[in-house]
PDB file of all heavy atoms in Angstrom:
ATOM      1  N   VAL A   1     -17.700 -79.844 -41.232  1.00  0.00           N
ATOM      2  CA  VAL A   1     -19.039 -79.915 -41.919  1.00  0.00           C
ATOM      3  C   VAL A   1     -19.802 -81.078 -41.242  1.00  0.00           C
ATOM      4  O   VAL A   1     -21.018 -81.067 -40.844  1.00  0.00           O
ATOM      5  CB  VAL A   1     -18.919 -80.206 -43.380  1.00  0.00           C
ATOM      6  CG1 VAL A   1     -20.265 -80.547 -43.912  1.00  0.00           C
ATOM      7  CG2 VAL A   1     -18.520 -78.776 -44.154  1.00  0.00           C
ATOM      8  N   GLN A   2     -19.143 -82.315 -41.081  1.00  0.00           N
ATOM      9  CA  GLN A   2     -19.739 -83.456 -40.349  1.00  0.00           C
ATOM     10  C   GLN A   2     -20.114 -83.113 -39.009  1.00  0.00           C
ATOM     11  O   GLN A   2     -21.126 -83.590 -38.435  1.00  0.00           O
ATOM     12  CB  GLN A   2     -18.660 -84.657 -40.448  1.00  0.00           C
ATOM     13  CG  GLN A   2     -18.435 -85.159 -41.809  1.00  0.00           C
ATOM     14  CD  GLN A   2     -17.393 -86.272 -41.823  1.00  0.00           C
ATOM     15  OE1 GLN A   2     -16.659 -86.530 -40.838  1.00  0.00           O
ATOM     16  NE2 GLN A   2     -17.285 -86.921 -43.027  1.00  0.00           N
ATOM     17  N   ILE A   3     -19.265 -82.438 -38.175  1.00  0.00           N
ATOM     18  CA  ILE A   3     -19.549 -82.058 -36.838  1.00  0.00           C
ATOM     19  C   ILE A   3     -20.716 -81.109 -36.770  1.00  0.00           C
ATOM     20  O   ILE A   3     -21.726 -81.304 -35.992  1.00  0.00           O
ATOM     21  CB  ILE A   3     -18.294 -81.440 -36.128  1.00  0.00           C
ATOM     22  CG1 ILE A   3     -17.154 -82.484 -36.075  1.00  0.00           C
ATOM     23  CG2 ILE A   3     -18.663 -80.812 -34.853  1.00  0.00           C
ATOM     24  CD1 ILE A   3     -15.894 -81.874 -35.591  1.00  0.00           C
ATOM     25  N   ALA A   4     -20.816 -80.142 -37.658  1.00  0.00           N
ATOM     26  CA  ALA A   4     -21.982 -79.148 -37.717  1.00  0.00           C
ATOM     27  C   ALA A   4     -23.255 -79.958 -38.032  1.00  0.00           C
ATOM     28  O   ALA A   4     -24.250 -79.655 -37.280  1.00  0.00           O
ATOM     29  CB  ALA A   4     -21.761 -78.163 -38.634  1.00  0.00           C
ATOM     30  N   ARG A   5     -23.145 -80.734 -38.937  1.00  0.00           N
ATOM     31  CA  ARG A   5     -24.396 -81.613 -39.287  1.00  0.00           C
ATOM     32  C   ARG A   5     -24.884 -82.557 -38.138  1.00  0.00           C
ATOM     33  O   ARG A   5     -26.010 -82.557 -37.785  1.00  0.00           O
ATOM     34  CB  ARG A   5     -24.147 -82.388 -40.566  1.00  0.00           C
ATOM     35  CG  ARG A   5     -24.047 -81.621 -41.785  1.00  0.00           C
ATOM     36  CD  ARG A   5     -23.707 -82.455 -42.998  1.00  0.00           C
ATOM     37  NE  ARG A   5     -23.743 -81.537 -44.217  1.00  0.00           N
ATOM     38  CZ  ARG A   5     -23.261 -82.056 -45.373  1.00  0.00           C
ATOM     39  NH1 ARG A   5     -22.789 -83.335 -45.539  1.00  0.00           N
ATOM     40  NH2 ARG A   5     -23.219 -81.275 -46.437  1.00  0.00           N
ATOM     41  N   GLY A   6     -23.904 -83.173 -37.518  1.00  0.00           N
ATOM     42  CA  GLY A   6     -24.231 -84.005 -36.375  1.00  0.00           C
ATOM     43  C   GLY A   6     -24.803 -83.315 -35.212  1.00  0.00           C
ATOM     44  O   GLY A   6     -25.664 -83.770 -34.530  1.00  0.00           O
ATOM     45  N   SER A   7     -24.208 -82.178 -34.895  1.00  0.00           N
ATOM     46  CA  SER A   7     -24.730 -81.317 -33.877  1.00  0.00           C
ATOM     47  C   SER A   7     -25.991 -80.824 -34.165  1.00  0.00           C
ATOM     48  O   SER A   7     -26.908 -80.670 -33.255  1.00  0.00           O
ATOM     49  CB  SER A   7     -23.635 -80.169 -33.667  1.00  0.00           C
ATOM     50  OG  SER A   7     -24.093 -79.404 -32.498  1.00  0.00           O
ATOM     51  N   ALA A   8     -26.240 -80.462 -35.306  1.00  0.00           N
ATOM     52  CA  ALA A   8     -27.663 -79.904 -35.719  1.00  0.00           C
ATOM     53  C   ALA A   8     -28.731 -81.138 -35.586  1.00  0.00           C
ATOM     54  O   ALA A   8     -29.811 -80.854 -35.030  1.00  0.00           O
ATOM     55  CB  ALA A   8     -27.680 -79.528 -37.197  1.00  0.00           C
ATOM     56  N   ILE A   9     -28.408 -82.321 -36.002  1.00  0.00           N
ATOM     57  CA  ILE A   9     -29.263 -83.487 -35.868  1.00  0.00           C
ATOM     58  C   ILE A   9     -29.520 -83.725 -34.511  1.00  0.00           C
ATOM     59  O   ILE A   9     -30.661 -84.068 -34.072  1.00  0.00           O
ATOM     60  CB  ILE A   9     -28.752 -84.654 -36.633  1.00  0.00           C
ATOM     61  CG1 ILE A   9     -28.704 -84.364 -38.109  1.00  0.00           C
ATOM     62  CG2 ILE A   9     -29.482 -85.875 -36.337  1.00  0.00           C
ATOM     63  CD1 ILE A   9     -27.904 -85.579 -38.940  1.00  0.00           C
ATOM     64  N   ALA A  10     -28.479 -83.750 -33.619  1.00  0.00           N
ATOM     65  CA  ALA A  10     -28.662 -84.081 -32.185  1.00  0.00           C
ATOM     66  C   ALA A  10     -29.437 -83.010 -31.531  1.00  0.00           C
ATOM     67  O   ALA A  10     -30.377 -83.283 -30.753  1.00  0.00           O
ATOM     68  CB  ALA A  10     -27.184 -84.092 -31.509  1.00  0.00           C
ATOM     69  N   GLY A  11     -29.185 -81.691 -31.895  1.00  0.00           N
ATOM     70  CA  GLY A  11     -29.940 -80.631 -31.239  1.00  0.00           C
ATOM     71  C   GLY A  11     -31.409 -80.700 -31.473  1.00  0.00           C
ATOM     72  O   GLY A  11     -32.304 -80.582 -30.706  1.00  0.00           O
ATOM     73  N   ARG A  12     -31.721 -80.833 -32.803  1.00  0.00           N
ATOM     74  CA  ARG A  12     -33.104 -80.913 -33.312  1.00  0.00           C
ATOM     75  C   ARG A  12     -33.799 -82.177 -32.652  1.00  0.00           C
ATOM     76  O   ARG A  12     -35.064 -82.014 -32.249  1.00  0.00           O
ATOM     77  CB  ARG A  12     -33.192 -80.888 -34.799  1.00  0.00           C
ATOM     78  CG  ARG A  12     -32.782 -79.604 -35.422  1.00  0.00           C
ATOM     79  CD  ARG A  12     -33.300 -79.276 -36.867  1.00  0.00           C
ATOM     80  NE  ARG A  12     -32.820 -78.176 -37.298  1.00  0.00           N
ATOM     81  CZ  ARG A  12     -33.161 -76.919 -37.113  1.00  0.00           C
ATOM     82  NH1 ARG A  12     -34.266 -76.841 -36.282  1.00  0.00           N
ATOM     83  NH2 ARG A  12     -32.684 -75.859 -37.738  1.00  0.00           N
ATOM     84  N   ALA A  13     -33.236 -83.282 -32.741  1.00  0.00           N
ATOM     85  CA  ALA A  13     -33.818 -84.565 -32.012  1.00  0.00           C
ATOM     86  C   ALA A  13     -34.191 -84.395 -30.485  1.00  0.00           C
ATOM     87  O   ALA A  13     -35.254 -84.624 -30.057  1.00  0.00           O
ATOM     88  CB  ALA A  13     -32.769 -85.769 -32.150  1.00  0.00           C
ATOM     89  N   LEU A  14     -33.221 -83.687 -29.809  1.00  0.00           N
ATOM     90  CA  LEU A  14     -33.384 -83.549 -28.346  1.00  0.00           C
ATOM     91  C   LEU A  14     -34.558 -82.560 -28.124  1.00  0.00           C
ATOM     92  O   LEU A  14     -35.305 -82.629 -27.182  1.00  0.00           O
ATOM     93  CB  LEU A  14     -32.119 -82.763 -27.723  1.00  0.00           C
ATOM     94  CG  LEU A  14     -30.966 -83.751 -27.467  1.00  0.00           C
ATOM     95  CD1 LEU A  14     -29.647 -83.112 -27.146  1.00  0.00           C
ATOM     96  CD2 LEU A  14     -31.383 -84.771 -26.313  1.00  0.00           C
ATOM     97  N   LEU A  15     -34.654 -81.524 -29.010  1.00  0.00           N
ATOM     98  CA  LEU A  15     -35.789 -80.524 -28.914  1.00  0.00           C
ATOM     99  C   LEU A  15     -37.167 -81.153 -29.255  1.00  0.00           C
ATOM    100  O   LEU A  15     -38.180 -81.042 -28.727  1.00  0.00           O
ATOM    101  CB  LEU A  15     -35.529 -79.359 -29.774  1.00  0.00           C
ATOM    102  CG  LEU A  15     -34.427 -78.434 -29.418  1.00  0.00           C
ATOM    103  CD1 LEU A  15     -34.228 -77.331 -30.445  1.00  0.00           C
ATOM    104  CD2 LEU A  15     -34.698 -77.713 -28.027  1.00  0.00           C
ATOM    105  N   MET A  16     -37.080 -82.092 -30.403  1.00  0.00           N
ATOM    106  CA  MET A  16     -38.349 -82.656 -30.761  1.00  0.00           C
ATOM    107  C   MET A  16     -38.881 -83.730 -29.892  1.00  0.00           C
ATOM    108  O   MET A  16     -40.054 -84.009 -29.729  1.00  0.00           O
ATOM    109  CB  MET A  16     -38.213 -83.178 -32.220  1.00  0.00           C
ATOM    110  CG  MET A  16     -37.946 -82.073 -33.284  1.00  0.00           C
ATOM    111  SD  MET A  16     -37.761 -82.719 -34.929  1.00  0.00           S
ATOM    112  CE  MET A  16     -39.492 -83.312 -35.334  1.00  0.00           C
ATOM    113  N   PHE A  17     -37.910 -84.594 -29.431  1.00  0.00           N
ATOM    114  CA  PHE A  17     -38.393 -85.790 -28.810  1.00  0.00           C
ATOM    115  C   PHE A  17     -38.086 -85.865 -27.246  1.00  0.00           C
ATOM    116  O   PHE A  17     -38.442 -86.673 -26.607  1.00  0.00           O
ATOM    117  CB  PHE A  17     -37.566 -87.121 -29.429  1.00  0.00           C
ATOM    118  CG  PHE A  17     -37.907 -87.155 -30.874  1.00  0.00           C
ATOM    119  CD1 PHE A  17     -36.738 -86.982 -31.745  1.00  0.00           C
ATOM    120  CD2 PHE A  17     -39.146 -87.355 -31.364  1.00  0.00           C
ATOM    121  CE1 PHE A  17     -37.013 -87.121 -33.108  1.00  0.00           C
ATOM    122  CE2 PHE A  17     -39.320 -87.436 -32.841  1.00  0.00           C
ATOM    123  CZ  PHE A  17     -38.316 -87.301 -33.639  1.00  0.00           C
ATOM    124  N   GLY A  18     -37.495 -84.697 -26.766  1.00  0.00           N
ATOM    125  CA  GLY A  18     -37.246 -84.711 -25.325  1.00  0.00           C
ATOM    126  C   GLY A  18     -38.461 -84.079 -24.589  1.00  0.00           C
ATOM    127  O   GLY A  18     -39.321 -83.470 -25.242  1.00  0.00           O
ATOM    128  N   PHE A  19     -38.446 -84.168 -23.281  1.00  0.00           N
ATOM    129  CA  PHE A  19     -39.525 -83.547 -22.603  1.00  0.00           C
ATOM    130  C   PHE A  19     -38.979 -82.827 -21.218  1.00  0.00           C
ATOM    131  O   PHE A  19     -39.731 -82.127 -20.723  1.00  0.00           O
ATOM    132  CB  PHE A  19     -40.427 -84.765 -22.000  1.00  0.00           C
ATOM    133  CG  PHE A  19     -41.131 -85.415 -23.184  1.00  0.00           C
ATOM    134  CD1 PHE A  19     -40.632 -86.564 -23.682  1.00  0.00           C
ATOM    135  CD2 PHE A  19     -42.299 -84.759 -23.648  1.00  0.00           C
ATOM    136  CE1 PHE A  19     -41.332 -87.185 -24.833  1.00  0.00           C
ATOM    137  CE2 PHE A  19     -43.010 -85.472 -24.802  1.00  0.00           C
ATOM    138  CZ  PHE A  19     -42.503 -86.632 -25.324  1.00  0.00           C
ATOM    139  N   THR A  20     -37.760 -82.996 -20.985  1.00  0.00           N
ATOM    140  CA  THR A  20     -37.214 -82.367 -19.746  1.00  0.00           C
ATOM    141  C   THR A  20     -36.506 -81.095 -20.097  1.00  0.00           C
ATOM    142  O   THR A  20     -36.107 -80.890 -21.168  1.00  0.00           O
ATOM    143  CB  THR A  20     -36.248 -83.277 -18.876  1.00  0.00           C
ATOM    144  OG1 THR A  20     -35.108 -83.623 -19.840  1.00  0.00           O
ATOM    145  CG2 THR A  20     -36.944 -84.645 -18.755  1.00  0.00           C
ATOM    146  N   PRO A  21     -36.427 -80.199 -18.995  1.00  0.00           N
ATOM    147  CA  PRO A  21     -35.648 -79.016 -19.238  1.00  0.00           C
ATOM    148  C   PRO A  21     -34.165 -79.291 -19.568  1.00  0.00           C
ATOM    149  O   PRO A  21     -33.634 -78.541 -20.297  1.00  0.00           O
ATOM    150  CB  PRO A  21     -35.628 -78.269 -17.939  1.00  0.00           C
ATOM    151  CG  PRO A  21     -37.008 -78.765 -17.303  1.00  0.00           C
ATOM    152  CD  PRO A  21     -37.022 -80.208 -17.827  1.00  0.00           C
ATOM    153  N   VAL A  22     -33.624 -80.353 -18.994  1.00  0.00           N
ATOM    154  CA  VAL A  22     -32.210 -80.681 -19.274  1.00  0.00           C
ATOM    155  C   VAL A  22     -31.990 -80.967 -20.833  1.00  0.00           C
ATOM    156  O   VAL A  22     -31.140 -80.572 -21.438  1.00  0.00           O
ATOM    157  CB  VAL A  22     -31.731 -81.885 -18.445  1.00  0.00           C
ATOM    158  CG1 VAL A  22     -30.277 -82.364 -19.044  1.00  0.00           C
ATOM    159  CG2 VAL A  22     -31.762 -81.479 -16.976  1.00  0.00           C
ATOM    160  N   SER A  23     -32.890 -81.895 -21.354  1.00  0.00           N
ATOM    161  CA  SER A  23     -32.794 -82.231 -22.704  1.00  0.00           C
ATOM    162  C   SER A  23     -33.120 -80.884 -23.722  1.00  0.00           C
ATOM    163  O   SER A  23     -32.445 -80.724 -24.715  1.00  0.00           O
ATOM    164  CB  SER A  23     -33.781 -83.262 -23.198  1.00  0.00           C
ATOM    165  OG  SER A  23     -35.118 -82.821 -22.936  1.00  0.00           O
ATOM    166  N   TRP A  24     -34.011 -80.003 -23.167  1.00  0.00           N
ATOM    167  CA  TRP A  24     -34.103 -78.775 -23.973  1.00  0.00           C
ATOM    168  C   TRP A  24     -32.901 -77.974 -23.973  1.00  0.00           C
ATOM    169  O   TRP A  24     -32.485 -77.483 -25.099  1.00  0.00           O
ATOM    170  CB  TRP A  24     -35.393 -77.957 -23.395  1.00  0.00           C
ATOM    171  CG  TRP A  24     -35.622 -76.708 -24.295  1.00  0.00           C
ATOM    172  CD1 TRP A  24     -36.548 -76.681 -25.251  1.00  0.00           C
ATOM    173  CD2 TRP A  24     -35.172 -75.487 -23.915  1.00  0.00           C
ATOM    174  NE1 TRP A  24     -36.698 -75.344 -25.741  1.00  0.00           N
ATOM    175  CE2 TRP A  24     -35.801 -74.596 -24.916  1.00  0.00           C
ATOM    176  CE3 TRP A  24     -34.364 -74.838 -23.121  1.00  0.00           C
ATOM    177  CZ2 TRP A  24     -35.580 -73.297 -25.010  1.00  0.00           C
ATOM    178  CZ3 TRP A  24     -34.074 -73.485 -23.082  1.00  0.00           C
ATOM    179  CH2 TRP A  24     -34.664 -72.688 -24.168  1.00  0.00           C
ATOM    180  N   THR A  25     -32.286 -77.864 -22.785  1.00  0.00           N
ATOM    181  CA  THR A  25     -31.009 -77.070 -22.796  1.00  0.00           C
ATOM    182  C   THR A  25     -29.933 -77.592 -23.605  1.00  0.00           C
ATOM    183  O   THR A  25     -29.314 -76.889 -24.319  1.00  0.00           O
ATOM    184  CB  THR A  25     -30.616 -76.849 -21.314  1.00  0.00           C
ATOM    185  OG1 THR A  25     -31.591 -76.266 -20.452  1.00  0.00           O
ATOM    186  CG2 THR A  25     -29.347 -76.103 -21.214  1.00  0.00           C
ATOM    187  N   LEU A  26     -29.773 -78.937 -23.433  1.00  0.00           N
ATOM    188  CA  LEU A  26     -28.792 -79.617 -24.316  1.00  0.00           C
ATOM    189  C   LEU A  26     -29.119 -79.416 -25.800  1.00  0.00           C
ATOM    190  O   LEU A  26     -28.203 -79.313 -26.699  1.00  0.00           O
ATOM    191  CB  LEU A  26     -28.641 -81.040 -24.002  1.00  0.00           C
ATOM    192  CG  LEU A  26     -28.157 -81.424 -22.636  1.00  0.00           C
ATOM    193  CD1 LEU A  26     -28.232 -82.979 -22.299  1.00  0.00           C
ATOM    194  CD2 LEU A  26     -26.681 -80.932 -22.462  1.00  0.00           C
ATOM    195  N   GLY A  27     -30.383 -79.544 -26.085  1.00  0.00           N
ATOM    196  CA  GLY A  27     -30.790 -79.451 -27.557  1.00  0.00           C
ATOM    197  C   GLY A  27     -30.519 -78.021 -28.136  1.00  0.00           C
ATOM    198  O   GLY A  27     -29.992 -77.837 -29.241  1.00  0.00           O
ATOM    199  N   VAL A  28     -30.901 -76.961 -27.338  1.00  0.00           N
ATOM    200  CA  VAL A  28     -30.472 -75.625 -27.735  1.00  0.00           C
ATOM    201  C   VAL A  28     -28.945 -75.513 -27.854  1.00  0.00           C
ATOM    202  O   VAL A  28     -28.503 -74.818 -28.781  1.00  0.00           O
ATOM    203  CB  VAL A  28     -30.993 -74.572 -26.648  1.00  0.00           C
ATOM    204  CG1 VAL A  28     -30.407 -73.228 -26.862  1.00  0.00           C
ATOM    205  CG2 VAL A  28     -32.597 -74.570 -26.644  1.00  0.00           C
ATOM    206  N   GLY A  29     -28.132 -76.007 -26.982  1.00  0.00           N
ATOM    207  CA  GLY A  29     -26.794 -75.791 -26.939  1.00  0.00           C
ATOM    208  C   GLY A  29     -26.184 -76.478 -28.266  1.00  0.00           C
ATOM    209  O   GLY A  29     -25.342 -75.994 -29.016  1.00  0.00           O
ATOM    210  N   ALA A  30     -26.687 -77.691 -28.576  1.00  0.00           N
ATOM    211  CA  ALA A  30     -26.207 -78.397 -29.694  1.00  0.00           C
ATOM    212  C   ALA A  30     -26.645 -77.690 -31.069  1.00  0.00           C
ATOM    213  O   ALA A  30     -25.734 -77.726 -31.938  1.00  0.00           O
ATOM    214  CB  ALA A  30     -26.839 -79.866 -29.816  1.00  0.00           C
ATOM    215  N   LEU A  31     -27.794 -77.175 -31.089  1.00  0.00           N
ATOM    216  CA  LEU A  31     -28.323 -76.514 -32.366  1.00  0.00           C
ATOM    217  C   LEU A  31     -27.645 -75.258 -32.475  1.00  0.00           C
ATOM    218  O   LEU A  31     -27.254 -74.848 -33.666  1.00  0.00           O
ATOM    219  CB  LEU A  31     -29.793 -76.398 -32.223  1.00  0.00           C
ATOM    220  CG  LEU A  31     -30.421 -75.651 -33.499  1.00  0.00           C
ATOM    221  CD1 LEU A  31     -30.188 -76.593 -34.742  1.00  0.00           C
ATOM    222  CD2 LEU A  31     -31.999 -75.553 -33.256  1.00  0.00           C
ATOM    223  N   ALA A  32     -27.326 -74.562 -31.437  1.00  0.00           N
ATOM    224  CA  ALA A  32     -26.655 -73.238 -31.423  1.00  0.00           C
ATOM    225  C   ALA A  32     -25.175 -73.447 -31.966  1.00  0.00           C
ATOM    226  O   ALA A  32     -24.651 -72.752 -32.750  1.00  0.00           O
ATOM    227  CB  ALA A  32     -26.517 -72.534 -30.102  1.00  0.00           C
ATOM    228  N   THR A  33     -24.487 -74.568 -31.391  1.00  0.00           N
ATOM    229  CA  THR A  33     -23.222 -74.851 -31.871  1.00  0.00           C
ATOM    230  C   THR A  33     -23.128 -75.117 -33.316  1.00  0.00           C
ATOM    231  O   THR A  33     -22.242 -74.689 -34.081  1.00  0.00           O
ATOM    232  CB  THR A  33     -22.724 -76.159 -31.122  1.00  0.00           C
ATOM    233  OG1 THR A  33     -22.672 -75.860 -29.683  1.00  0.00           O
ATOM    234  CG2 THR A  33     -21.321 -76.546 -31.502  1.00  0.00           C
ATOM    235  N   ALA A  34     -24.136 -75.906 -33.803  1.00  0.00           N
ATOM    236  CA  ALA A  34     -24.227 -76.146 -35.302  1.00  0.00           C
ATOM    237  C   ALA A  34     -24.330 -74.869 -36.178  1.00  0.00           C
ATOM    238  O   ALA A  34     -23.777 -74.715 -37.126  1.00  0.00           O
ATOM    239  CB  ALA A  34     -25.427 -77.146 -35.547  1.00  0.00           C
ATOM    240  N   LYS A  35     -25.175 -74.012 -35.727  1.00  0.00           N
ATOM    241  CA  LYS A  35     -25.546 -72.762 -36.340  1.00  0.00           C
ATOM    242  C   LYS A  35     -24.177 -71.889 -36.369  1.00  0.00           C
ATOM    243  O   LYS A  35     -23.876 -71.330 -37.260  1.00  0.00           O
ATOM    244  CB  LYS A  35     -26.662 -72.051 -35.909  1.00  0.00           C
ATOM    245  CG  LYS A  35     -27.974 -72.657 -36.162  1.00  0.00           C
ATOM    246  CD  LYS A  35     -29.123 -71.893 -35.567  1.00  0.00           C
ATOM    247  CE  LYS A  35     -30.462 -72.487 -35.849  1.00  0.00           C
ATOM    248  NZ  LYS A  35     -30.784 -72.084 -37.342  1.00  0.00           N
ATOM    249  N   ILE A  36     -23.490 -71.895 -35.215  1.00  0.00           N
ATOM    250  CA  ILE A  36     -22.313 -71.073 -35.227  1.00  0.00           C
ATOM    251  C   ILE A  36     -21.219 -71.578 -36.075  1.00  0.00           C
ATOM    252  O   ILE A  36     -20.541 -70.933 -36.840  1.00  0.00           O
ATOM    253  CB  ILE A  36     -21.734 -71.044 -33.714  1.00  0.00           C
ATOM    254  CG1 ILE A  36     -22.613 -70.087 -32.848  1.00  0.00           C
ATOM    255  CG2 ILE A  36     -20.356 -70.489 -33.706  1.00  0.00           C
ATOM    256  CD1 ILE A  36     -22.457 -70.233 -31.370  1.00  0.00           C
ATOM    257  N   LEU A  37     -20.983 -72.970 -36.088  1.00  0.00           N
ATOM    258  CA  LEU A  37     -20.033 -73.603 -36.935  1.00  0.00           C
ATOM    259  C   LEU A  37     -20.395 -73.402 -38.377  1.00  0.00           C
ATOM    260  O   LEU A  37     -19.511 -73.051 -39.309  1.00  0.00           O
ATOM    261  CB  LEU A  37     -19.935 -75.086 -36.581  1.00  0.00           C
ATOM    262  CG  LEU A  37     -19.195 -75.494 -35.375  1.00  0.00           C
ATOM    263  CD1 LEU A  37     -19.405 -77.001 -35.086  1.00  0.00           C
ATOM    264  CD2 LEU A  37     -17.703 -75.007 -35.480  1.00  0.00           C
ATOM    265  N   GLU A  38     -21.645 -73.591 -38.679  1.00  0.00           N
ATOM    266  CA  GLU A  38     -22.083 -73.379 -40.151  1.00  0.00           C
ATOM    267  C   GLU A  38     -21.889 -71.932 -40.633  1.00  0.00           C
ATOM    268  O   GLU A  38     -21.425 -71.809 -41.734  1.00  0.00           O
ATOM    269  CB  GLU A  38     -23.523 -73.844 -40.292  1.00  0.00           C
ATOM    270  CG  GLU A  38     -23.997 -74.187 -41.723  1.00  0.00           C
ATOM    271  CD  GLU A  38     -24.101 -72.926 -42.451  1.00  0.00           C
ATOM    272  OE1 GLU A  38     -24.582 -71.818 -41.917  1.00  0.00           O
ATOM    273  OE2 GLU A  38     -23.851 -72.935 -43.804  1.00  0.00           O
ATOM    274  N   ASN A  39     -22.150 -71.000 -39.744  1.00  0.00           N
ATOM    275  CA  ASN A  39     -22.025 -69.564 -40.342  1.00  0.00           C
ATOM    276  C   ASN A  39     -20.660 -69.144 -40.330  1.00  0.00           C
ATOM    277  O   ASN A  39     -20.192 -68.439 -41.178  1.00  0.00           O
ATOM    278  CB  ASN A  39     -22.994 -68.722 -39.269  1.00  0.00           C
ATOM    279  CG  ASN A  39     -24.380 -68.730 -39.693  1.00  0.00           C
ATOM    280  OD1 ASN A  39     -25.046 -67.804 -39.186  1.00  0.00           O
ATOM    281  ND2 ASN A  39     -24.902 -69.615 -40.473  1.00  0.00           N
ATOM    282  N   MET A  40     -19.840 -69.518 -39.195  1.00  0.00           N
ATOM    283  CA  MET A  40     -18.508 -68.886 -39.146  1.00  0.00           C
ATOM    284  C   MET A  40     -17.420 -69.676 -39.713  1.00  0.00           C
ATOM    285  O   MET A  40     -16.585 -69.288 -40.527  1.00  0.00           O
ATOM    286  CB  MET A  40     -18.388 -68.628 -37.600  1.00  0.00           C
ATOM    287  CG  MET A  40     -19.352 -67.657 -37.018  1.00  0.00           C
ATOM    288  SD  MET A  40     -19.102 -67.227 -35.381  1.00  0.00           S
ATOM    289  CE  MET A  40     -17.883 -65.852 -35.769  1.00  0.00           C
ATOM    290  N   GLU A  41     -17.275 -71.036 -39.238  1.00  0.00           N
ATOM    291  CA  GLU A  41     -16.163 -71.748 -39.820  1.00  0.00           C
ATOM    292  C   GLU A  41     -16.400 -72.304 -41.122  1.00  0.00           C
ATOM    293  O   GLU A  41     -15.434 -72.579 -42.099  1.00  0.00           O
ATOM    294  CB  GLU A  41     -15.811 -72.901 -38.751  1.00  0.00           C
ATOM    295  CG  GLU A  41     -14.654 -73.849 -39.072  1.00  0.00           C
ATOM    296  CD  GLU A  41     -13.275 -73.041 -39.189  1.00  0.00           C
ATOM    297  OE1 GLU A  41     -13.246 -71.905 -38.722  1.00  0.00           O
ATOM    298  OE2 GLU A  41     -12.264 -73.582 -39.471  1.00  0.00           O
ATOM    299  N   ILE A  42     -17.739 -72.542 -41.541  1.00  0.00           N
ATOM    300  CA  ILE A  42     -18.115 -73.087 -42.889  1.00  0.00           C
ATOM    301  C   ILE A  42     -18.415 -71.962 -43.833  1.00  0.00           C
ATOM    302  O   ILE A  42     -17.753 -71.634 -44.686  1.00  0.00           O
ATOM    303  CB  ILE A  42     -19.082 -74.048 -42.706  1.00  0.00           C
ATOM    304  CG1 ILE A  42     -18.579 -75.314 -41.722  1.00  0.00           C
ATOM    305  CG2 ILE A  42     -19.360 -74.797 -44.085  1.00  0.00           C
ATOM    306  CD1 ILE A  42     -19.637 -76.326 -41.367  1.00  0.00           C
TER     307      ILE A  42
END
């Protein structure tokens, strides 16, 4: 649960405050990881 929440926060922060394609890609990856963990393992 802690990992999923942290990953969601990191992903949304990278999407909201980043400007580069790299930060967008990392943000998508982190948010997708959070959603997968929340839906499947939790």
